[in-house]
């Protein structure tokens, strides 16, 4: 009877080790699946936000409004005004769109575009 009990114990231990490994893998995969589902939900939210932005940019009225506010464009026949503050920088609007960029030490087309952006901004004279 002791040999049978010993063999039964060894078989039960082997089953427990086998099942423990399988359960560990199962729970690790379940956790990874939950994490991937969460990432998918985030990506779908980002996609829907980008699709909304794309739909807005297809509307000509939105494009006109953005061109007016960001670039300071006006329609033919209108007079555009830009208020300059005491520090010499424009007040209101997206002043970063009109700010001159310093040439970067990147590729040739980046340097060329930087020179085009800086061309209308005269250098400050030193006293």
Protein backbone atom coordinates (compact mmCIF):
# COMPACT_ATOMS: atom_id res chain seq x y z
CA UNK A 1 0.00 0.00 0.00
CA UNK A 2 2.86 2.41 0.62
CA UNK A 3 4.25 1.86 -2.91
CA UNK A 4 0.87 2.63 -4.41
CA UNK A 5 0.59 5.76 -2.27
CA UNK A 6 4.12 6.81 -3.25
CA UNK A 7 3.39 6.28 -6.98
CA UNK A 8 0.11 8.17 -6.61
CA UNK A 9 1.97 11.04 -4.92
CA UNK A 10 4.60 11.17 -7.69
CA UNK A 11 1.89 11.15 -10.38
CA UNK A 12 -0.02 13.91 -8.55
CA UNK A 13 3.18 16.00 -8.21
CA UNK A 14 3.95 15.56 -11.91
CA UNK A 15 0.41 16.63 -12.80
CA UNK A 16 0.66 19.62 -10.49
CA UNK A 17 3.97 20.75 -12.06
CA UNK A 18 2.58 20.28 -15.56
CA UNK A 19 -0.63 22.13 -14.78
CA UNK A 20 1.17 24.89 -12.89
CA UNK A 21 3.35 25.67 -15.93
CA UNK A 22 0.33 25.61 -18.23
CA UNK A 23 -1.67 27.84 -15.89
CA UNK A 24 1.25 30.28 -15.63
CA UNK A 25 1.42 30.52 -19.43
CA UNK A 26 -2.37 30.86 -19.65
CA UNK A 27 -2.49 33.76 -17.16
CA UNK A 28 0.49 35.49 -18.82
CA UNK A 29 -1.22 35.26 -22.20
CA UNK A 30 -4.52 36.45 -20.74
CA UNK A 31 -2.75 39.49 -19.28
CA UNK A 32 -1.01 40.20 -22.59
CA UNK A 33 -4.31 39.84 -24.46
CA UNK A 34 -5.97 42.33 -22.13
CA UNK A 35 -3.09 44.78 -22.63
CA UNK A 36 -3.30 44.39 -26.44
CA UNK A 37 -7.07 44.94 -26.39
CA UNK A 38 -6.50 48.14 -24.44
CA UNK A 39 -3.92 49.28 -27.01
CA UNK A 40 -6.35 48.48 -29.83
CA UNK A 41 -9.03 50.57 -28.13
CA UNK A 42 -6.58 53.47 -27.78
CA UNK A 43 -5.55 53.20 -31.43
CA UNK A 44 -9.19 53.12 -32.54
CA UNK A 45 -9.80 56.27 -30.48
CA UNK A 46 -6.81 57.95 -32.14
CA UNK A 47 -8.05 56.85 -35.57
CA UNK A 48 -11.51 58.28 -34.95
CA UNK A 49 -9.97 61.57 -33.74
CA UNK A 50 -7.79 61.77 -36.86
CA UNK A 51 -10.74 60.94 -39.10
CA UNK A 52 -12.72 63.77 -37.45
CA UNK A 53 -9.83 66.16 -38.11
CA UNK A 54 -9.61 64.97 -41.72
CA UNK A 55 -13.33 65.52 -42.20
CA UNK A 56 -12.97 69.05 -40.80
CA UNK A 57 -10.14 69.82 -43.24
CA UNK A 58 -12.35 68.75 -46.15
CA UNK A 59 -14.76 71.58 -45.28
CA UNK A 60 -13.80 74.73 -47.26
CA UNK A 61 -15.17 77.03 -44.54
CA UNK A 62 -12.90 75.42 -41.95
CA UNK A 63 -9.88 75.77 -44.25
CA UNK A 64 -10.68 79.46 -44.79
CA UNK A 65 -11.03 80.03 -41.06
CA UNK A 66 -7.72 78.29 -40.35
CA UNK A 67 -5.94 80.28 -43.08
CA UNK A 68 -7.31 83.50 -41.64
CA UNK A 69 -6.38 82.74 -38.03
CA UNK A 70 -3.06 80.96 -38.50
CA UNK A 71 -1.59 82.72 -41.52
CA UNK A 72 -3.37 86.07 -41.34
CA UNK A 73 -4.79 85.72 -44.84
CA UNK A 74 -7.61 87.99 -45.98
CA UNK A 75 -10.12 87.73 -48.80
CA UNK A 76 -9.74 89.96 -51.87
CA UNK A 77 -11.05 93.44 -51.10
CA UNK A 78 -10.53 93.12 -47.32
CA UNK A 79 -7.86 94.93 -45.36
CA UNK A 80 -5.80 92.85 -42.99
CA UNK A 81 -4.41 94.24 -39.75
CA UNK A 82 -1.84 92.81 -37.38
CA UNK A 83 -1.44 94.27 -33.89
CA UNK A 84 2.17 94.44 -32.78
CA UNK A 85 2.97 94.48 -29.07
CA UNK A 86 5.58 96.58 -27.29
CA UNK A 87 8.10 93.76 -27.66
CA UNK A 88 7.71 93.80 -31.46
CA UNK A 89 5.88 90.48 -31.69
CA UNK A 90 2.37 90.05 -33.09
CA UNK A 91 -0.46 89.83 -30.56
CA UNK A 92 -3.09 87.15 -31.10
CA UNK A 93 -3.35 84.55 -33.82
CA UNK A 94 -0.81 81.81 -34.30
CA UNK A 95 2.38 83.83 -34.24
CA UNK A 96 4.51 80.69 -34.54
CA UNK A 97 3.30 80.14 -38.12
CA UNK A 98 4.69 83.52 -39.19
CA UNK A 99 7.83 83.49 -37.04
CA UNK A 100 11.09 83.15 -38.96
CA UNK A 101 12.91 79.87 -38.51
CA UNK A 102 16.64 79.67 -37.98
CA UNK A 103 18.41 77.54 -40.59
CA UNK A 104 19.12 74.08 -39.31
CA UNK A 105 22.25 72.10 -39.87
CA UNK A 106 20.27 69.33 -41.53
CA UNK A 107 19.83 68.27 -45.11
CA UNK A 108 20.21 70.74 -47.99
CA UNK A 109 16.47 71.19 -48.53
CA UNK A 110 16.02 71.99 -44.82
CA UNK A 111 18.75 74.60 -45.04
CA UNK A 112 17.21 76.03 -48.21
CA UNK A 113 13.77 76.23 -46.63
CA UNK A 114 15.28 77.86 -43.55
CA UNK A 115 16.88 80.52 -45.70
CA UNK A 116 13.53 81.15 -47.43
CA UNK A 117 11.85 81.55 -44.05
CA UNK A 118 14.53 83.95 -42.77
CA UNK A 119 14.68 86.04 -45.98
CA UNK A 120 11.86 88.39 -44.92
CA UNK A 121 13.12 88.83 -41.35
CA UNK A 122 15.86 91.49 -41.36
CA UNK A 123 18.68 91.05 -38.89
CA UNK A 124 18.62 93.37 -35.89
CA UNK A 125 21.24 96.10 -36.06
CA UNK A 126 23.72 96.27 -33.23
CA UNK A 127 24.29 99.65 -31.63
